[in-house]
Amino acid sequence: MAITAQEVNKLRQMTGAGMMDCKKALVESDGDFDKAIEILRKKGQKVSEKRADRETSEGSVFIQTNDEGNAAVLIALGCETDFVAKNQDFQDLGNEILKVAFEARPDNVDELKNLKIGALTVGEKVTELVGKIGEKIDIVAYEVLEGESVIPYIHAGSKLGVLVALKGTNGIDVADAGKDVAMQIAAMRPVAVDKDGVDPVVIEREMNIGREQARAEGKPEQMIDKIAEGKLNKFFKENTLLNQAFVKDNSLTVSKYLDSVNKGMTVESFKRVSVSQ
């Protein structure tokens, strides 16, 4: 199939790989971007996986926690331009939606859009603002997190938000430690708390990529699986939160950092949402 320059450039922006490599990968994958990314990785290309934050171009994240500090709600309201994201009407709507979401705790975005703000549903309020501003606006994320101690974090610019639930806190103030971990999540984009939380599909994908890379390097067939397992362990170390090097002190993992703050304290779960490219 014919691959356009725009498609090549899109894959390049998604991965950081070279233009010709991107074009070849798209041709080989018949234009399937996910397959093209796997092809690039199997051929040893360094891929910067920033695709998760490309759902919307602009917007704001809004977070509310309860007084007990054991539950929080996050919504992300997306729009087309930064100018609109800073508009007071946009910000007011985001806070109104957050309030009803916090009170009702719906199961998903569709249910959230059917909740009422005054005489109108949330969905109707969004449509009303679209008509007023003349730009696409939508609820692009809605998350609820509960746990022993839930710490919120909104990154500068309000385009990225994190909720992290800590357990084993023993009733002490863990706000600073929680913020440190939330900032880690914001910066390092872990895919799970630890390796047990990684999707089996992702594990199999990483093993296949490791095997292909080992074969491409000319390694003996009897060593292929062992080499792939080594690459998988490296993936776990770099991409699961508790095993990542702690950004503020690379001599510690996040797990060891939390244990140093309070013996046995760890992360139960987290949510990371971004509306920015």
C-alpha atoms as a PDB file:
ATOM      1  CA  MET A   1       0.000   0.000   0.000  1.00  0.00           C
ATOM      2  CA  ALA A   2       1.058   3.620  -0.533  1.00  0.00           C
ATOM      3  CA  ILE A   3       2.493   5.251   2.568  1.00  0.00           C
ATOM      4  CA  THR A   4       2.162   9.028   2.798  1.00  0.00           C
ATOM      5  CA  ALA A   5       4.781  11.446   4.094  1.00  0.00           C
ATOM      6  CA  GLN A   6       2.330  12.457   6.826  1.00  0.00           C
ATOM      7  CA  GLU A   7       2.098   8.853   8.061  1.00  0.00           C
ATOM      8  CA  VAL A   8       5.871   8.507   8.058  1.00  0.00           C
ATOM      9  CA  ASN A   9       6.225  11.733  10.008  1.00  0.00           C
ATOM     10  CA  LYS A  10       3.538  10.630  12.489  1.00  0.00           C
ATOM     11  CA  LEU A  11       5.425   7.388  13.201  1.00  0.00           C
ATOM     12  CA  ARG A  12       8.656   9.348  13.531  1.00  0.00           C
ATOM     13  CA  GLN A  13       7.039  11.671  16.065  1.00  0.00           C
ATOM     14  CA  MET A  14       5.650   8.660  17.951  1.00  0.00           C
ATOM     15  CA  THR A  15       8.931   6.752  18.107  1.00  0.00           C
ATOM     16  CA  GLY A  16      11.887   9.031  17.431  1.00  0.00           C
ATOM     17  CA  ALA A  17      13.159   6.596  14.769  1.00  0.00           C
ATOM     18  CA  GLY A  18      14.628   7.779  11.447  1.00  0.00           C
ATOM     19  CA  MET A  19      12.419   8.724   8.508  1.00  0.00           C
ATOM     20  CA  MET A  20      13.545   5.899   6.208  1.00  0.00           C
ATOM     21  CA  ASP A  21      13.285   3.327   8.991  1.00  0.00           C
ATOM     22  CA  CYS A  22       9.756   4.552   9.726  1.00  0.00           C
ATOM     23  CA  LYS A  23       8.766   4.348   6.072  1.00  0.00           C
ATOM     24  CA  LYS A  24      10.114   0.798   5.715  1.00  0.00           C
ATOM     25  CA  ALA A  25       8.326  -0.286   8.904  1.00  0.00           C
ATOM     26  CA  LEU A  26       5.018   1.170   7.712  1.00  0.00           C
ATOM     27  CA  VAL A  27       5.366  -0.502   4.333  1.00  0.00           C
ATOM     28  CA  GLU A  28       6.162  -3.832   5.991  1.00  0.00           C
ATOM     29  CA  SER A  29       3.193  -3.492   8.370  1.00  0.00           C
ATOM     30  CA  ASP A  30       0.758  -2.341   5.649  1.00  0.00           C
ATOM     31  CA  GLY A  31       0.276   0.940   7.501  1.00  0.00           C
ATOM     32  CA  ASP A  32      -0.488  -0.551  10.924  1.00  0.00           C
ATOM     33  CA  PHE A  33       1.243   1.769  13.414  1.00  0.00           C
ATOM     34  CA  ASP A  34       1.359  -0.702  16.315  1.00  0.00           C
ATOM     35  CA  LYS A  35       2.891  -3.382  14.094  1.00  0.00           C
ATOM     36  CA  ALA A  36       5.312  -0.822  12.646  1.00  0.00           C
ATOM     37  CA  ILE A  37       6.517   0.059  16.151  1.00  0.00           C
ATOM     38  CA  GLU A  38       7.128  -3.636  16.912  1.00  0.00           C
ATOM     39  CA  ILE A  39       9.034  -3.982  13.625  1.00  0.00           C
ATOM     40  CA  LEU A  40      11.266  -1.035  14.536  1.00  0.00           C
ATOM     41  CA  ARG A  41      11.988  -2.508  17.959  1.00  0.00           C
ATOM     42  CA  LYS A  42      12.707  -5.963  16.579  1.00  0.00           C
ATOM     43  CA  LYS A  43      15.247  -4.422  14.228  1.00  0.00           C
ATOM     44  CA  GLY A  44      16.973  -2.821  17.191  1.00  0.00           C
ATOM     45  CA  GLN A  45      15.651   0.684  16.702  1.00  0.00           C
ATOM     46  CA  LYS A  46      15.499   2.784  19.853  1.00  0.00           C
ATOM     47  CA  VAL A  47      11.847   3.712  20.284  1.00  0.00           C
ATOM     48  CA  SER A  48      10.774   6.428  22.714  1.00  0.00           C
ATOM     49  CA  GLU A  49       7.384   5.171  23.857  1.00  0.00           C
ATOM     50  CA  LYS A  50       5.453   8.383  24.371  1.00  0.00           C
ATOM     51  CA  ARG A  51       2.336   7.300  22.547  1.00  0.00           C
ATOM     52  CA  ALA A  52       0.102   7.118  25.614  1.00  0.00           C
ATOM     53  CA  ASP A  53       0.065  10.892  25.960  1.00  0.00           C
ATOM     54  CA  ARG A  54      -0.992  11.581  22.364  1.00  0.00           C
ATOM     55  CA  GLU A  55      -4.727  11.125  22.798  1.00  0.00           C
ATOM     56  CA  THR A  56      -5.455  14.852  23.005  1.00  0.00           C
ATOM     57  CA  SER A  57      -3.416  17.907  22.272  1.00  0.00           C
ATOM     58  CA  GLU A  58      -4.403  20.245  25.111  1.00  0.00           C
ATOM     59  CA  GLY A  59      -6.555  20.438  28.222  1.00  0.00           C
ATOM     60  CA  SER A  60      -6.402  20.235  32.004  1.00  0.00           C
ATOM     61  CA  VAL A  61      -6.389  17.609  34.743  1.00  0.00           C
ATOM     62  CA  PHE A  62      -8.560  18.117  37.827  1.00  0.00           C
ATOM     63  CA  ILE A  63      -8.242  16.133  41.087  1.00  0.00           C
ATOM     64  CA  GLN A  64     -10.248  15.985  44.331  1.00  0.00           C
ATOM     65  CA  THR A  65      -9.458  13.896  47.413  1.00  0.00           C
ATOM     66  CA  ASN A  66     -11.639  13.135  50.417  1.00  0.00           C
ATOM     67  CA  ASP A  67     -10.917  14.462  53.901  1.00  0.00           C
ATOM     68  CA  GLU A  68      -9.643  11.080  55.090  1.00  0.00           C
ATOM     69  CA  GLY A  69      -7.031  10.984  52.327  1.00  0.00           C
ATOM     70  CA  ASN A  70      -7.945   7.453  51.277  1.00  0.00           C
ATOM     71  CA  ALA A  71      -9.821   8.177  48.043  1.00  0.00           C
ATOM     72  CA  ALA A  72      -9.432  10.533  45.102  1.00  0.00           C
ATOM     73  CA  VAL A  73     -11.111  11.270  41.780  1.00  0.00           C
ATOM     74  CA  LEU A  74      -9.329  12.546  38.680  1.00  0.00           C
ATOM     75  CA  ILE A  75     -10.824  13.848  35.469  1.00  0.00           C
ATOM     76  CA  ALA A  76      -9.094  15.159  32.360  1.00  0.00           C
ATOM     77  CA  LEU A  77     -10.925  17.628  30.159  1.00  0.00           C
ATOM     78  CA  GLY A  78      -9.429  17.847  26.675  1.00  0.00           C
ATOM     79  CA  CYS A  79      -9.542  20.615  24.102  1.00  0.00           C
ATOM     80  CA  GLU A  80      -7.716  21.685  20.951  1.00  0.00           C
ATOM     81  CA  THR A  81      -5.649  24.669  22.093  1.00  0.00           C
ATOM     82  CA  ASP A  82      -3.798  25.855  25.176  1.00  0.00           C
ATOM     83  CA  PHE A  83      -5.684  29.139  24.912  1.00  0.00           C
ATOM     84  CA  VAL A  84      -8.988  27.367  25.562  1.00  0.00           C
ATOM     85  CA  ALA A  85      -7.473  25.195  28.322  1.00  0.00           C
ATOM     86  CA  LYS A  86      -6.685  28.409  30.220  1.00  0.00           C
ATOM     87  CA  ASN A  87     -10.130  29.906  29.582  1.00  0.00           C
ATOM     88  CA  GLN A  88     -12.059  30.509  32.806  1.00  0.00           C
ATOM     89  CA  ASP A  89     -15.254  28.911  31.464  1.00  0.00           C
ATOM     90  CA  PHE A  90     -13.264  25.778  30.577  1.00  0.00           C
ATOM     91  CA  GLN A  91     -11.678  25.667  34.033  1.00  0.00           C
ATOM     92  CA  ASP A  92     -15.034  26.251  35.751  1.00  0.00           C
ATOM     93  CA  LEU A  93     -16.614  23.408  33.767  1.00  0.00           C
ATOM     94  CA  GLY A  94     -13.751  21.087  34.674  1.00  0.00           C
ATOM     95  CA  ASN A  95     -14.247  21.804  38.360  1.00  0.00           C
ATOM     96  CA  GLU A  96     -18.035  21.366  38.083  1.00  0.00           C
ATOM     97  CA  ILE A  97     -17.612  17.984  36.401  1.00  0.00           C
ATOM     98  CA  LEU A  98     -15.058  16.958  39.016  1.00  0.00           C
ATOM     99  CA  LYS A  99     -17.471  17.838  41.821  1.00  0.00           C
ATOM    100  CA  VAL A 100     -20.316  15.668  40.493  1.00  0.00           C
ATOM    101  CA  ALA A 101     -17.883  12.858  39.638  1.00  0.00           C
ATOM    102  CA  PHE A 102     -16.506  12.925  43.174  1.00  0.00           C
ATOM    103  CA  GLU A 103     -19.971  12.840  44.714  1.00  0.00           C
ATOM    104  CA  ALA A 104     -21.470  10.141  42.466  1.00  0.00           C
ATOM    105  CA  ARG A 105     -18.408   7.992  41.598  1.00  0.00           C
ATOM    106  CA  PRO A 106     -19.867   6.694  38.300  1.00  0.00           C
ATOM    107  CA  ASP A 107     -18.371   3.566  36.733  1.00  0.00           C
ATOM    108  CA  ASN A 108     -17.146   5.169  33.514  1.00  0.00           C
ATOM    109  CA  VAL A 109     -17.057   8.306  31.350  1.00  0.00           C
ATOM    110  CA  ASP A 110     -20.385   7.530  29.671  1.00  0.00           C
ATOM    111  CA  GLU A 111     -22.117   7.352  33.053  1.00  0.00           C
ATOM    112  CA  LEU A 112     -20.333  10.534  34.110  1.00  0.00           C
ATOM    113  CA  LYS A 113     -21.685  12.351  31.041  1.00  0.00           C
ATOM    114  CA  ASN A 114     -25.233  11.413  32.085  1.00  0.00           C
ATOM    115  CA  LEU A 115     -24.923  12.962  35.559  1.00  0.00           C
ATOM    116  CA  LYS A 116     -26.659  16.285  36.119  1.00  0.00           C
ATOM    117  CA  ILE A 117     -25.126  19.711  36.666  1.00  0.00           C
ATOM    118  CA  GLY A 118     -28.197  21.775  37.424  1.00  0.00           C
ATOM    119  CA  ALA A 119     -30.804  21.263  34.698  1.00  0.00           C
ATOM    120  CA  LEU A 120     -28.333  19.844  32.164  1.00  0.00           C
ATOM    121  CA  THR A 121     -26.347  16.624  31.999  1.00  0.00           C
ATOM    122  CA  VAL A 122     -22.564  16.782  32.067  1.00  0.00           C
ATOM    123  CA  GLY A 123     -22.551  15.863  28.374  1.00  0.00           C
ATOM    124  CA  GLU A 124     -24.946  18.699  27.582  1.00  0.00           C
ATOM    125  CA  LYS A 125     -22.818  21.148  29.571  1.00  0.00           C
ATOM    126  CA  VAL A 126     -19.780  20.125  27.531  1.00  0.00           C
ATOM    127  CA  THR A 127     -21.739  20.562  24.285  1.00  0.00           C
ATOM    128  CA  GLU A 128     -22.951  23.956  25.483  1.00  0.00           C
ATOM    129  CA  LEU A 129     -19.366  25.118  26.025  1.00  0.00           C
ATOM    130  CA  VAL A 130     -18.314  23.723  22.640  1.00  0.00           C
ATOM    131  CA  GLY A 131     -20.997  25.902  21.052  1.00  0.00           C
ATOM    132  CA  LYS A 132     -19.832  28.921  22.999  1.00  0.00           C
ATOM    133  CA  ILE A 133     -16.109  28.498  22.363  1.00  0.00           C
ATOM    134  CA  GLY A 134     -16.203  26.856  18.922  1.00  0.00           C
ATOM    135  CA  GLU A 135     -13.612  24.209  19.716  1.00  0.00           C
ATOM    136  CA  LYS A 136     -13.805  20.475  20.395  1.00  0.00           C
ATOM    137  CA  ILE A 137     -13.990  19.716  24.136  1.00  0.00           C
ATOM    138  CA  ASP A 138     -14.381  16.275  25.702  1.00  0.00           C
ATOM    139  CA  ILE A 139     -13.817  14.317  28.903  1.00  0.00           C
ATOM    140  CA  VAL A 140     -10.777  12.266  27.931  1.00  0.00           C
ATOM    141  CA  ALA A 141     -10.165  10.491  31.242  1.00  0.00           C
ATOM    142  CA  TYR A 142     -11.914   9.681  34.506  1.00  0.00           C
ATOM    143  CA  GLU A 143     -10.231   7.731  37.300  1.00  0.00           C
ATOM    144  CA  VAL A 144     -11.077   6.801  40.878  1.00  0.00           C
ATOM    145  CA  LEU A 145      -8.422   5.489  43.267  1.00  0.00           C
ATOM    146  CA  GLU A 146      -8.944   4.227  46.792  1.00  0.00           C
ATOM    147  CA  GLY A 147      -6.403   2.904  49.262  1.00  0.00           C
ATOM    148  CA  GLU A 148      -4.849   3.236  52.681  1.00  0.00           C
ATOM    149  CA  SER A 149      -3.300   6.595  51.767  1.00  0.00           C
ATOM    150  CA  VAL A 150      -3.948   8.236  48.387  1.00  0.00           C
ATOM    151  CA  ILE A 151      -1.691  11.096  47.312  1.00  0.00           C
ATOM    152  CA  PRO A 152      -2.541  13.353  44.351  1.00  0.00           C
ATOM    153  CA  TYR A 153      -0.094  15.200  42.129  1.00  0.00           C
ATOM    154  CA  ILE A 154      -0.717  17.618  39.263  1.00  0.00           C
ATOM    155  CA  HIS A 155       2.319  18.494  37.181  1.00  0.00           C
ATOM    156  CA  ALA A 156       3.098  22.090  36.234  1.00  0.00           C
ATOM    157  CA  GLY A 157       0.703  23.276  33.564  1.00  0.00           C
ATOM    158  CA  SER A 158      -2.086  20.966  34.815  1.00  0.00           C
ATOM    159  CA  LYS A 159      -1.758  18.718  31.757  1.00  0.00           C
ATOM    160  CA  LEU A 160      -0.593  15.664  33.672  1.00  0.00           C
ATOM    161  CA  GLY A 161      -1.989  14.190  36.860  1.00  0.00           C
ATOM    162  CA  VAL A 162      -1.066  11.248  39.080  1.00  0.00           C
ATOM    163  CA  LEU A 163      -2.812   9.398  41.897  1.00  0.00           C
ATOM    164  CA  VAL A 164      -0.768   6.965  43.977  1.00  0.00           C
ATOM    165  CA  ALA A 165      -2.068   4.697  46.749  1.00  0.00           C
ATOM    166  CA  LEU A 166       0.439   3.704  49.441  1.00  0.00           C
ATOM    167  CA  LYS A 167      -0.028   0.876  51.935  1.00  0.00           C
ATOM    168  CA  GLY A 168       1.857  -0.024  55.104  1.00  0.00           C
ATOM    169  CA  THR A 169       1.913   3.623  56.196  1.00  0.00           C
ATOM    170  CA  ASN A 170       1.178   2.815  59.863  1.00  0.00           C
ATOM    171  CA  GLY A 171      -0.723   6.070  60.211  1.00  0.00           C
ATOM    172  CA  ILE A 172       2.280   8.361  59.681  1.00  0.00           C
ATOM    173  CA  ASP A 173       2.289  11.394  57.391  1.00  0.00           C
ATOM    174  CA  VAL A 174       3.446  10.082  54.005  1.00  0.00           C
ATOM    175  CA  ALA A 175       2.477  13.102  51.876  1.00  0.00           C
ATOM    176  CA  ASP A 176       6.078  13.960  50.960  1.00  0.00           C
ATOM    177  CA  ALA A 177       7.007  10.381  50.115  1.00  0.00           C
ATOM    178  CA  GLY A 178       3.804  10.000  48.129  1.00  0.00           C
ATOM    179  CA  LYS A 179       4.543  13.152  46.161  1.00  0.00           C
ATOM    180  CA  ASP A 180       8.071  11.882  45.422  1.00  0.00           C
ATOM    181  CA  VAL A 181       6.630   8.646  44.045  1.00  0.00           C
ATOM    182  CA  ALA A 182       3.912  10.481  42.108  1.00  0.00           C
ATOM    183  CA  MET A 183       6.571  12.670  40.486  1.00  0.00           C
ATOM    184  CA  GLN A 184       8.489   9.493  39.629  1.00  0.00           C
ATOM    185  CA  ILE A 185       5.373   8.114  37.933  1.00  0.00           C
ATOM    186  CA  ALA A 186       4.859  11.366  36.047  1.00  0.00           C
ATOM    187  CA  ALA A 187       8.434  11.410  34.750  1.00  0.00           C
ATOM    188  CA  MET A 188       9.199   7.713  34.203  1.00  0.00           C
ATOM    189  CA  ARG A 189       5.865   6.366  32.917  1.00  0.00           C
ATOM    190  CA  PRO A 190       5.863   2.919  34.588  1.00  0.00           C
ATOM    191  CA  VAL A 191       3.496   0.372  33.038  1.00  0.00           C
ATOM    192  CA  ALA A 192       2.677  -1.361  36.344  1.00  0.00           C
ATOM    193  CA  VAL A 193       3.512  -1.362  40.062  1.00  0.00           C
ATOM    194  CA  ASP A 194       5.728  -4.454  39.687  1.00  0.00           C
ATOM    195  CA  LYS A 195       6.250  -7.311  37.236  1.00  0.00           C
ATOM    196  CA  ASP A 196       3.201  -9.184  38.550  1.00  0.00           C
ATOM    197  CA  GLY A 197       1.032  -6.358  37.261  1.00  0.00           C
ATOM    198  CA  VAL A 198       2.376  -6.384  33.697  1.00  0.00           C
ATOM    199  CA  ASP A 199      -0.094  -7.592  31.097  1.00  0.00           C
ATOM    200  CA  PRO A 200       0.845 -11.109  29.864  1.00  0.00           C
ATOM    201  CA  VAL A 201       0.415  -9.827  26.299  1.00  0.00           C
ATOM    202  CA  VAL A 202       3.114  -7.223  26.966  1.00  0.00           C
ATOM    203  CA  ILE A 203       5.405  -9.872  28.483  1.00  0.00           C
ATOM    204  CA  GLU A 204       5.022 -12.120  25.445  1.00  0.00           C
ATOM    205  CA  ARG A 205       5.624  -9.165  23.141  1.00  0.00           C
ATOM    206  CA  GLU A 206       8.833  -8.262  24.961  1.00  0.00           C
ATOM    207  CA  MET A 207      10.017 -11.882  24.857  1.00  0.00           C
ATOM    208  CA  ASN A 208       9.377 -12.036  21.099  1.00  0.00           C
ATOM    209  CA  ILE A 209      11.226  -8.778  20.556  1.00  0.00           C
ATOM    210  CA  GLY A 210      14.129 -10.063  22.679  1.00  0.00           C
ATOM    211  CA  ARG A 211      14.276 -13.280  20.647  1.00  0.00           C
ATOM    212  CA  GLU A 212      14.274 -11.413  17.337  1.00  0.00           C
ATOM    213  CA  GLN A 213      16.988  -9.045  18.536  1.00  0.00           C
ATOM    214  CA  ALA A 214      19.145 -11.959  19.716  1.00  0.00           C
ATOM    215  CA  ARG A 215      18.759 -13.736  16.377  1.00  0.00           C
ATOM    216  CA  ALA A 216      19.591 -10.529  14.520  1.00  0.00           C
ATOM    217  CA  GLU A 217      22.806 -10.340  16.577  1.00  0.00           C
ATOM    218  CA  GLY A 218      23.690 -13.874  15.475  1.00  0.00           C
ATOM    219  CA  LYS A 219      23.359 -15.516  18.884  1.00  0.00           C
ATOM    220  CA  PRO A 220      23.169 -19.355  19.034  1.00  0.00           C
ATOM    221  CA  GLU A 221      19.586 -20.678  18.937  1.00  0.00           C
ATOM    222  CA  GLN A 222      19.979 -22.541  22.244  1.00  0.00           C
ATOM    223  CA  MET A 223      20.731 -19.197  23.960  1.00  0.00           C
ATOM    224  CA  ILE A 224      17.847 -17.244  22.415  1.00  0.00           C
ATOM    225  CA  ASP A 225      15.286 -17.729  25.210  1.00  0.00           C
ATOM    226  CA  LYS A 226      17.808 -17.042  27.970  1.00  0.00           C
ATOM    227  CA  ILE A 227      18.891 -13.820  26.275  1.00  0.00           C
ATOM    228  CA  ALA A 228      15.246 -12.820  25.773  1.00  0.00           C
ATOM    229  CA  GLU A 229      14.548 -13.440  29.467  1.00  0.00           C
ATOM    230  CA  GLY A 230      17.462 -11.187  30.346  1.00  0.00           C
ATOM    231  CA  LYS A 231      16.014  -8.446  28.156  1.00  0.00           C
ATOM    232  CA  LEU A 232      12.598  -8.992  29.760  1.00  0.00           C
ATOM    233  CA  ASN A 233      14.114  -8.535  33.238  1.00  0.00           C
ATOM    234  CA  LYS A 234      15.686  -5.313  32.037  1.00  0.00           C
ATOM    235  CA  PHE A 235      12.249  -4.245  30.792  1.00  0.00           C
ATOM    236  CA  PHE A 236      10.781  -4.946  34.251  1.00  0.00           C
ATOM    237  CA  LYS A 237      13.555  -2.946  35.908  1.00  0.00           C
ATOM    238  CA  GLU A 238      13.025   0.054  33.666  1.00  0.00           C
ATOM    239  CA  ASN A 239       9.244  -0.028  33.360  1.00  0.00           C
ATOM    240  CA  THR A 240       7.742  -1.257  36.649  1.00  0.00           C
ATOM    241  CA  LEU A 241       7.478   1.359  39.360  1.00  0.00           C
ATOM    242  CA  LEU A 242       8.894  -0.436  42.407  1.00  0.00           C
ATOM    243  CA  ASN A 243      11.889  -1.711  40.427  1.00  0.00           C
ATOM    244  CA  GLN A 244      12.781   1.578  38.776  1.00  0.00           C
ATOM    245  CA  ALA A 245      15.771   3.547  40.001  1.00  0.00           C
ATOM    246  CA  PHE A 246      14.465   6.312  42.273  1.00  0.00           C
ATOM    247  CA  VAL A 247      14.864   9.571  40.349  1.00  0.00           C
ATOM    248  CA  LYS A 248      15.968  11.552  43.407  1.00  0.00           C
ATOM    249  CA  ASP A 249      18.582   8.945  44.432  1.00  0.00           C
ATOM    250  CA  ASN A 250      19.648   6.441  41.772  1.00  0.00           C
ATOM    251  CA  SER A 251      21.358   4.272  44.398  1.00  0.00           C
ATOM    252  CA  LEU A 252      17.857   3.216  45.528  1.00  0.00           C
ATOM    253  CA  THR A 253      14.937   1.600  43.778  1.00  0.00           C
ATOM    254  CA  VAL A 254      11.516   3.116  44.461  1.00  0.00           C
ATOM    255  CA  SER A 255      10.761   0.064  46.603  1.00  0.00           C
ATOM    256  CA  LYS A 256      13.856   0.601  48.764  1.00  0.00           C
ATOM    257  CA  TYR A 257      13.164   4.332  49.019  1.00  0.00           C
ATOM    258  CA  LEU A 258       9.674   3.713  50.416  1.00  0.00           C
ATOM    259  CA  ASP A 259      10.996   1.084  52.794  1.00  0.00           C
ATOM    260  CA  SER A 260      13.543   3.612  54.061  1.00  0.00           C
ATOM    261  CA  VAL A 261      10.753   6.088  54.807  1.00  0.00           C
ATOM    262  CA  ASN A 262       8.663   3.541  56.694  1.00  0.00           C
ATOM    263  CA  LYS A 263       9.546  -0.140  56.997  1.00  0.00           C
ATOM    264  CA  GLY A 264       7.257  -2.233  54.823  1.00  0.00           C
ATOM    265  CA  MET A 265       5.568   0.693  53.084  1.00  0.00           C
ATOM    266  CA  THR A 266       4.927   0.181  49.376  1.00  0.00           C
ATOM    267  CA  VAL A 267       2.717   1.180  46.453  1.00  0.00           C
ATOM    268  CA  GLU A 268      -0.637  -0.553  46.122  1.00  0.00           C
ATOM    269  CA  SER A 269      -1.725   1.053  42.845  1.00  0.00           C
ATOM    270  CA  PHE A 270      -1.485   4.235  40.789  1.00  0.00           C
ATOM    271  CA  LYS A 271      -3.119   6.172  37.959  1.00  0.00           C
ATOM    272  CA  ARG A 272      -1.336   8.427  35.479  1.00  0.00           C
ATOM    273  CA  VAL A 273      -3.238  10.647  33.045  1.00  0.00           C
ATOM    274  CA  SER A 274      -1.926  13.165  30.535  1.00  0.00           C
ATOM    275  CA  VAL A 275      -3.723  15.342  27.980  1.00  0.00           C
ATOM    276  CA  SER A 276      -0.574  16.783  26.469  1.00  0.00           C
ATOM    277  CA  GLN A 277       1.513  15.667  23.528  1.00  0.00           C
END
